[in-house]
PDB file of N, CA and C in Angstrom:
ATOM      1  N   MET A   1     -34.433 160.280 111.200  1.00  0.00           N
ATOM      2  CA  MET A   1     -33.009 159.886 111.585  1.00  0.00           C
ATOM      3  C   MET A   1     -32.059 160.776 112.132  1.00  0.00           C
ATOM      4  N   ILE A   2     -32.205 162.061 111.823  1.00  0.00           N
ATOM      5  CA  ILE A   2     -31.280 163.005 112.359  1.00  0.00           C
ATOM      6  C   ILE A   2     -31.593 163.142 113.942  1.00  0.00           C
ATOM      7  N   ILE A   3     -32.902 163.238 114.142  1.00  0.00           N
ATOM      8  CA  ILE A   3     -33.007 163.193 115.429  1.00  0.00           C
ATOM      9  C   ILE A   3     -32.821 162.048 116.391  1.00  0.00           C
ATOM     10  N   ALA A   4     -32.886 160.918 115.978  1.00  0.00           N
ATOM     11  CA  ALA A   4     -32.540 159.769 116.658  1.00  0.00           C
ATOM     12  C   ALA A   4     -31.046 159.914 116.595  1.00  0.00           C
ATOM     13  N   ALA A   5     -30.255 160.139 115.778  1.00  0.00           N
ATOM     14  CA  ALA A   5     -28.971 160.060 115.881  1.00  0.00           C
ATOM     15  C   ALA A   5     -28.407 161.215 116.823  1.00  0.00           C
ATOM     16  N   PHE A   6     -28.937 162.499 116.893  1.00  0.00           N
ATOM     17  CA  PHE A   6     -28.537 163.483 117.631  1.00  0.00           C
ATOM     18  C   PHE A   6     -28.824 163.059 119.225  1.00  0.00           C
ATOM     19  N   SER A   7     -30.132 162.686 119.428  1.00  0.00           N
ATOM     20  CA  SER A   7     -30.680 162.153 120.825  1.00  0.00           C
ATOM     21  C   SER A   7     -29.661 161.059 121.163  1.00  0.00           C
ATOM     22  N   SER A   8     -29.284 160.192 120.630  1.00  0.00           N
ATOM     23  CA  SER A   8     -28.599 159.111 120.971  1.00  0.00           C
ATOM     24  C   SER A   8     -27.150 159.418 121.421  1.00  0.00           C
ATOM     25  N   VAL A   9     -26.709 160.598 120.742  1.00  0.00           N
ATOM     26  CA  VAL A   9     -25.254 160.960 120.934  1.00  0.00           C
ATOM     27  C   VAL A   9     -25.455 161.745 122.307  1.00  0.00           C
ATOM     28  N   MET A  10     -26.541 162.656 122.343  1.00  0.00           N
ATOM     29  CA  MET A  10     -26.589 163.418 123.640  1.00  0.00           C
ATOM     30  C   MET A  10     -26.720 162.633 124.876  1.00  0.00           C
ATOM     31  N   ILE A  11     -27.419 161.479 124.658  1.00  0.00           N
ATOM     32  CA  ILE A  11     -27.724 160.774 125.678  1.00  0.00           C
ATOM     33  C   ILE A  11     -26.608 159.965 126.199  1.00  0.00           C
ATOM     34  N   SER A  12     -25.784 159.407 125.315  1.00  0.00           N
ATOM     35  CA  SER A  12     -24.446 158.767 125.412  1.00  0.00           C
ATOM     36  C   SER A  12     -23.566 159.642 126.097  1.00  0.00           C
ATOM     37  N   ILE A  13     -23.449 160.943 125.733  1.00  0.00           N
ATOM     38  CA  ILE A  13     -22.379 161.826 126.200  1.00  0.00           C
ATOM     39  C   ILE A  13     -22.843 162.185 127.815  1.00  0.00           C
ATOM     40  N   LEU A  14     -24.160 162.338 128.051  1.00  0.00           N
ATOM     41  CA  LEU A  14     -24.621 162.527 129.465  1.00  0.00           C
ATOM     42  C   LEU A  14     -24.371 161.153 130.201  1.00  0.00           C
ATOM     43  N   TRP A  15     -24.509 159.962 129.585  1.00  0.00           N
ATOM     44  CA  TRP A  15     -24.114 158.928 130.186  1.00  0.00           C
ATOM     45  C   TRP A  15     -22.505 158.851 130.768  1.00  0.00           C
ATOM     46  N   ILE A  16     -21.693 159.162 129.561  1.00  0.00           N
ATOM     47  CA  ILE A  16     -20.312 159.221 129.881  1.00  0.00           C
ATOM     48  C   ILE A  16     -19.821 159.944 131.112  1.00  0.00           C
ATOM     49  N   ILE A  17     -20.371 161.301 130.946  1.00  0.00           N
ATOM     50  CA  ILE A  17     -19.999 162.363 131.990  1.00  0.00           C
ATOM     51  C   ILE A  17     -20.547 161.932 133.196  1.00  0.00           C
ATOM     52  N   GLY A  18     -21.531 161.222 133.277  1.00  0.00           N
ATOM     53  CA  GLY A  18     -22.325 160.809 134.659  1.00  0.00           C
ATOM     54  C   GLY A  18     -23.275 161.579 135.106  1.00  0.00           C
ATOM     55  N   ASP A  19     -24.012 162.336 134.214  1.00  0.00           N
ATOM     56  CA  ASP A  19     -24.837 163.295 134.412  1.00  0.00           C
ATOM     57  C   ASP A  19     -26.347 162.861 134.653  1.00  0.00           C
ATOM     58  N   LEU A  20     -26.543 161.571 134.322  1.00  0.00           N
ATOM     59  CA  LEU A  20     -27.960 160.901 134.374  1.00  0.00           C
ATOM     60  C   LEU A  20     -28.128 160.326 135.681  1.00  0.00           C
ATOM     61  N   PRO A  21     -29.511 160.314 136.030  1.00  0.00           N
ATOM     62  CA  PRO A  21     -29.894 159.572 137.257  1.00  0.00           C
ATOM     63  C   PRO A  21     -29.394 158.127 137.282  1.00  0.00           C
ATOM     64  N   PHE A  22     -29.437 157.540 138.471  1.00  0.00           N
ATOM     65  CA  PHE A  22     -28.866 156.192 138.543  1.00  0.00           C
ATOM     66  C   PHE A  22     -29.913 155.363 137.928  1.00  0.00           C
ATOM     67  N   SER A  23     -31.218 155.581 138.131  1.00  0.00           N
ATOM     68  CA  SER A  23     -32.322 154.730 137.532  1.00  0.00           C
ATOM     69  C   SER A  23     -32.162 154.615 135.945  1.00  0.00           C
ATOM     70  N   LEU A  24     -31.797 155.706 135.314  1.00  0.00           N
ATOM     71  CA  LEU A  24     -31.715 155.928 134.030  1.00  0.00           C
ATOM     72  C   LEU A  24     -30.757 154.917 133.262  1.00  0.00           C
ATOM     73  N   ASN A  25     -29.719 154.785 134.001  1.00  0.00           N
ATOM     74  CA  ASN A  25     -28.705 153.942 133.523  1.00  0.00           C
ATOM     75  C   ASN A  25     -29.327 152.402 132.869  1.00  0.00           C
ATOM     76  N   TYR A  26     -30.239 151.909 133.647  1.00  0.00           N
ATOM     77  CA  TYR A  26     -30.722 150.755 133.342  1.00  0.00           C
ATOM     78  C   TYR A  26     -31.783 150.868 132.148  1.00  0.00           C
ATOM     79  N   ALA A  27     -32.209 152.045 131.891  1.00  0.00           N
ATOM     80  CA  ALA A  27     -33.202 152.010 130.799  1.00  0.00           C
ATOM     81  C   ALA A  27     -32.489 152.796 129.544  1.00  0.00           C
ATOM     82  N   LEU A  28     -31.241 153.069 129.681  1.00  0.00           N
ATOM     83  CA  LEU A  28     -30.703 153.813 128.544  1.00  0.00           C
ATOM     84  C   LEU A  28     -30.785 152.877 127.047  1.00  0.00           C
ATOM     85  N   ALA A  29     -30.473 151.676 127.259  1.00  0.00           N
ATOM     86  CA  ALA A  29     -30.543 150.708 126.009  1.00  0.00           C
ATOM     87  C   ALA A  29     -31.964 150.769 125.391  1.00  0.00           C
ATOM     88  N   PHE A  30     -32.826 150.775 126.220  1.00  0.00           N
ATOM     89  CA  PHE A  30     -34.227 150.698 125.882  1.00  0.00           C
ATOM     90  C   PHE A  30     -34.560 152.099 125.211  1.00  0.00           C
ATOM     91  N   VAL A  31     -33.981 153.233 125.784  1.00  0.00           N
ATOM     92  CA  VAL A  31     -34.392 154.526 125.208  1.00  0.00           C
ATOM     93  C   VAL A  31     -33.678 154.738 123.909  1.00  0.00           C
ATOM     94  N   ILE A  32     -32.629 154.168 123.731  1.00  0.00           N
ATOM     95  CA  ILE A  32     -31.819 154.278 122.446  1.00  0.00           C
ATOM     96  C   ILE A  32     -32.473 153.233 121.392  1.00  0.00           C
ATOM     97  N   THR A  33     -32.940 152.261 121.922  1.00  0.00           N
ATOM     98  CA  THR A  33     -33.702 151.379 120.788  1.00  0.00           C
ATOM     99  C   THR A  33     -35.018 151.857 120.467  1.00  0.00           C
ATOM    100  N   ALA A  34     -35.626 152.437 121.404  1.00  0.00           N
ATOM    101  CA  ALA A  34     -36.925 153.199 121.093  1.00  0.00           C
ATOM    102  C   ALA A  34     -36.626 154.482 120.122  1.00  0.00           C
ATOM    103  N   LEU A  35     -35.603 155.098 120.297  1.00  0.00           N
ATOM    104  CA  LEU A  35     -35.274 156.126 119.291  1.00  0.00           C
ATOM    105  C   LEU A  35     -35.075 155.493 117.836  1.00  0.00           C
ATOM    106  N   TRP A  36     -34.491 154.692 117.775  1.00  0.00           N
ATOM    107  CA  TRP A  36     -33.953 154.036 116.484  1.00  0.00           C
ATOM    108  C   TRP A  36     -35.008 153.096 115.793  1.00  0.00           C
ATOM    109  N   LEU A  37     -36.001 152.412 116.579  1.00  0.00           N
ATOM    110  CA  LEU A  37     -36.894 151.493 116.165  1.00  0.00           C
ATOM    111  C   LEU A  37     -37.596 152.072 114.864  1.00  0.00           C
ATOM    112  N   PRO A  38     -38.381 153.341 115.091  1.00  0.00           N
ATOM    113  CA  PRO A  38     -38.886 153.925 113.815  1.00  0.00           C
ATOM    114  C   PRO A  38     -38.239 154.029 112.763  1.00  0.00           C
ATOM    115  N   VAL A  39     -36.681 154.539 112.901  1.00  0.00           N
ATOM    116  CA  VAL A  39     -36.064 154.775 111.778  1.00  0.00           C
ATOM    117  C   VAL A  39     -35.743 153.341 111.043  1.00  0.00           C
ATOM    118  N   LEU A  40     -35.480 152.276 111.544  1.00  0.00           N
ATOM    119  CA  LEU A  40     -35.318 151.149 111.052  1.00  0.00           C
ATOM    120  C   LEU A  40     -36.527 150.523 110.409  1.00  0.00           C
ATOM    121  N   LEU A  41     -37.821 150.950 110.932  1.00  0.00           N
ATOM    122  CA  LEU A  41     -38.915 150.232 110.257  1.00  0.00           C
ATOM    123  C   LEU A  41     -39.600 151.200 109.656  1.00  0.00           C
ATOM    124  N   ARG A  42     -39.167 152.427 109.130  1.00  0.00           N
ATOM    125  CA  ARG A  42     -39.864 153.315 108.119  1.00  0.00           C
ATOM    126  C   ARG A  42     -40.385 152.892 106.933  1.00  0.00           C
ATOM    127  N   HIS A  43     -39.751 152.050 106.223  1.00  0.00           N
ATOM    128  CA  HIS A  43     -40.090 151.470 104.996  1.00  0.00           C
ATOM    129  C   HIS A  43     -41.331 150.682 104.985  1.00  0.00           C
ATOM    130  N   LYS A  44     -41.614 150.320 106.193  1.00  0.00           N
ATOM    131  CA  LYS A  44     -43.087 149.560 106.332  1.00  0.00           C
ATOM    132  C   LYS A  44     -44.324 150.483 106.316  1.00  0.00           C
ATOM    133  N   GLN A  45     -43.978 151.816 106.849  1.00  0.00           N
ATOM    134  CA  GLN A  45     -44.919 152.742 106.755  1.00  0.00           C
ATOM    135  C   GLN A  45     -45.471 153.063 105.253  1.00  0.00           C
ATOM    136  N   GLN A  46     -44.452 152.884 104.472  1.00  0.00           N
ATOM    137  CA  GLN A  46     -44.793 153.221 103.004  1.00  0.00           C
ATOM    138  C   GLN A  46     -45.855 152.418 102.390  1.00  0.00           C
ATOM    139  N   GLN A  47     -46.148 151.348 102.951  1.00  0.00           N
ATOM    140  CA  GLN A  47     -47.265 150.417 102.560  1.00  0.00           C
ATOM    141  C   GLN A  47     -48.516 151.144 102.452  1.00  0.00           C
ATOM    142  N   GLY A  48     -48.803 151.856 103.503  1.00  0.00           N
ATOM    143  CA  GLY A  48     -50.046 152.592 103.695  1.00  0.00           C
ATOM    144  C   GLY A  48     -51.143 151.899 104.278  1.00  0.00           C
ATOM    145  N   SER A  49     -51.032 150.748 104.890  1.00  0.00           N
ATOM    146  CA  SER A  49     -51.992 150.099 105.506  1.00  0.00           C
ATOM    147  C   SER A  49     -52.302 150.757 106.719  1.00  0.00           C
ATOM    148  N   MET A  50     -53.595 150.737 107.153  1.00  0.00           N
ATOM    149  CA  MET A  50     -54.050 151.313 108.491  1.00  0.00           C
ATOM    150  C   MET A  50     -53.411 150.717 109.686  1.00  0.00           C
ATOM    151  N   ALA A  51     -53.314 149.519 109.685  1.00  0.00           N
ATOM    152  CA  ALA A  51     -52.490 148.780 110.698  1.00  0.00           C
ATOM    153  C   ALA A  51     -51.062 149.416 111.004  1.00  0.00           C
ATOM    154  N   TRP A  52     -50.295 149.600 109.976  1.00  0.00           N
ATOM    155  CA  TRP A  52     -48.967 149.851 110.165  1.00  0.00           C
ATOM    156  C   TRP A  52     -48.910 151.390 110.563  1.00  0.00           C
ATOM    157  N   ASN A  53     -50.053 152.118 110.078  1.00  0.00           N
ATOM    158  CA  ASN A  53     -50.064 153.610 110.344  1.00  0.00           C
ATOM    159  C   ASN A  53     -50.289 153.823 111.776  1.00  0.00           C
ATOM    160  N   LEU A  54     -51.232 152.902 112.255  1.00  0.00           N
ATOM    161  CA  LEU A  54     -51.713 152.893 113.815  1.00  0.00           C
ATOM    162  C   LEU A  54     -50.469 152.535 114.610  1.00  0.00           C
ATOM    163  N   PHE A  55     -49.760 151.476 114.246  1.00  0.00           N
ATOM    164  CA  PHE A  55     -48.675 151.068 114.864  1.00  0.00           C
ATOM    165  C   PHE A  55     -47.499 152.045 115.199  1.00  0.00           C
ATOM    166  N   PHE A  56     -47.360 152.801 113.975  1.00  0.00           N
ATOM    167  CA  PHE A  56     -46.304 153.758 113.978  1.00  0.00           C
ATOM    168  C   PHE A  56     -46.719 155.009 114.676  1.00  0.00           C
ATOM    169  N   GLY A  57     -48.030 155.431 114.722  1.00  0.00           N
ATOM    170  CA  GLY A  57     -48.483 156.516 115.608  1.00  0.00           C
ATOM    171  C   GLY A  57     -48.331 156.228 116.956  1.00  0.00           C
ATOM    172  N   LEU A  58     -48.629 154.981 117.484  1.00  0.00           N
ATOM    173  CA  LEU A  58     -48.620 154.644 118.809  1.00  0.00           C
ATOM    174  C   LEU A  58     -46.939 154.629 119.144  1.00  0.00           C
ATOM    175  N   LEU A  59     -46.187 153.938 118.342  1.00  0.00           N
ATOM    176  CA  LEU A  59     -44.698 153.907 118.744  1.00  0.00           C
ATOM    177  C   LEU A  59     -44.099 155.304 118.739  1.00  0.00           C
ATOM    178  N   GLY A  60     -44.693 156.299 117.905  1.00  0.00           N
ATOM    179  CA  GLY A  60     -44.241 157.598 118.070  1.00  0.00           C
ATOM    180  C   GLY A  60     -44.480 158.113 119.301  1.00  0.00           C
ATOM    181  N   LEU A  61     -45.855 158.115 119.721  1.00  0.00           N
ATOM    182  CA  LEU A  61     -46.174 158.468 120.882  1.00  0.00           C
ATOM    183  C   LEU A  61     -45.375 158.084 122.153  1.00  0.00           C
ATOM    184  N   GLY A  62     -44.922 156.635 121.968  1.00  0.00           N
ATOM    185  CA  GLY A  62     -44.195 155.971 123.082  1.00  0.00           C
ATOM    186  C   GLY A  62     -42.786 156.674 123.081  1.00  0.00           C
ATOM    187  N   VAL A  63     -42.089 156.810 122.016  1.00  0.00           N
ATOM    188  CA  VAL A  63     -40.783 157.312 122.130  1.00  0.00           C
ATOM    189  C   VAL A  63     -40.903 159.001 122.326  1.00  0.00           C
ATOM    190  N   LEU A  64     -41.997 159.765 122.005  1.00  0.00           N
ATOM    191  CA  LEU A  64     -42.154 160.935 122.463  1.00  0.00           C
ATOM    192  C   LEU A  64     -42.217 160.989 123.995  1.00  0.00           C
ATOM    193  N   LEU A  65     -43.089 159.991 124.715  1.00  0.00           N
ATOM    194  CA  LEU A  65     -43.198 160.077 126.219  1.00  0.00           C
ATOM    195  C   LEU A  65     -41.960 159.755 126.946  1.00  0.00           C
ATOM    196  N   ILE A  66     -40.926 158.682 126.017  1.00  0.00           N
ATOM    197  CA  ILE A  66     -39.839 158.342 126.622  1.00  0.00           C
ATOM    198  C   ILE A  66     -38.901 159.616 126.719  1.00  0.00           C
ATOM    199  N   VAL A  67     -38.799 160.389 125.747  1.00  0.00           N
ATOM    200  CA  VAL A  67     -37.901 161.431 125.500  1.00  0.00           C
ATOM    201  C   VAL A  67     -38.326 162.499 126.637  1.00  0.00           C
ATOM    202  N   VAL A  68     -39.710 162.581 126.807  1.00  0.00           N
ATOM    203  CA  VAL A  68     -40.098 163.823 127.587  1.00  0.00           C
ATOM    204  C   VAL A  68     -39.580 163.217 129.123  1.00  0.00           C
ATOM    205  N   ARG A  69     -39.760 162.037 129.447  1.00  0.00           N
ATOM    206  CA  ARG A  69     -39.602 161.496 130.765  1.00  0.00           C
ATOM    207  C   ARG A  69     -37.951 161.626 131.231  1.00  0.00           C
ATOM    208  N   VAL A  70     -37.078 161.374 130.026  1.00  0.00           N
ATOM    209  CA  VAL A  70     -35.761 161.462 130.048  1.00  0.00           C
ATOM    210  C   VAL A  70     -35.262 162.965 130.456  1.00  0.00           C
ATOM    211  N   VAL A  71     -35.768 163.913 129.695  1.00  0.00           N
ATOM    212  CA  VAL A  71     -35.644 165.294 129.802  1.00  0.00           C
ATOM    213  C   VAL A  71     -36.228 165.684 131.229  1.00  0.00           C
ATOM    214  N   TRP A  72     -37.269 165.329 131.678  1.00  0.00           N
ATOM    215  CA  TRP A  72     -37.679 165.615 132.989  1.00  0.00           C
ATOM    216  C   TRP A  72     -36.712 164.987 134.197  1.00  0.00           C
ATOM    217  N   LEU A  73     -36.385 163.848 134.106  1.00  0.00           N
ATOM    218  CA  LEU A  73     -35.394 163.104 134.988  1.00  0.00           C
ATOM    219  C   LEU A  73     -34.177 164.079 135.177  1.00  0.00           C
ATOM    220  N   ILE A  74     -33.574 164.371 133.857  1.00  0.00           N
ATOM    221  CA  ILE A  74     -32.379 164.962 133.655  1.00  0.00           C
ATOM    222  C   ILE A  74     -32.489 166.403 134.341  1.00  0.00           C
ATOM    223  N   GLY A  75     -33.634 167.159 134.207  1.00  0.00           N
ATOM    224  CA  GLY A  75     -33.896 168.462 134.701  1.00  0.00           C
ATOM    225  C   GLY A  75     -34.019 168.373 136.285  1.00  0.00           C
ATOM    226  N   ARG A  76     -34.575 167.206 136.589  1.00  0.00           N
ATOM    227  CA  ARG A  76     -34.805 166.972 138.191  1.00  0.00           C
ATOM    228  C   ARG A  76     -33.605 166.900 138.983  1.00  0.00           C
ATOM    229  N   GLY A  77     -32.611 166.340 138.278  1.00  0.00           N
ATOM    230  CA  GLY A  77     -31.419 165.801 139.022  1.00  0.00           C
ATOM    231  C   GLY A  77     -30.532 166.909 139.044  1.00  0.00           C
TER     232      GLY A  77
END
């Protein structure tokens, strides 16, 4: 939760000061949603079923890929 909150605040600050690439302005809502989705659904993982663990593993990989892409775009710009 702390990572999602910190990342959301940092991305929002970059958006406010205009330091994000133009193409990322359209993806900003999806990036923040992808950061918070695992936090909101964390209670489902406590059930311990293999399907939920696979879902959260893939969701975590997706979030990691999005964060890496955002950092790469910011560093390139």
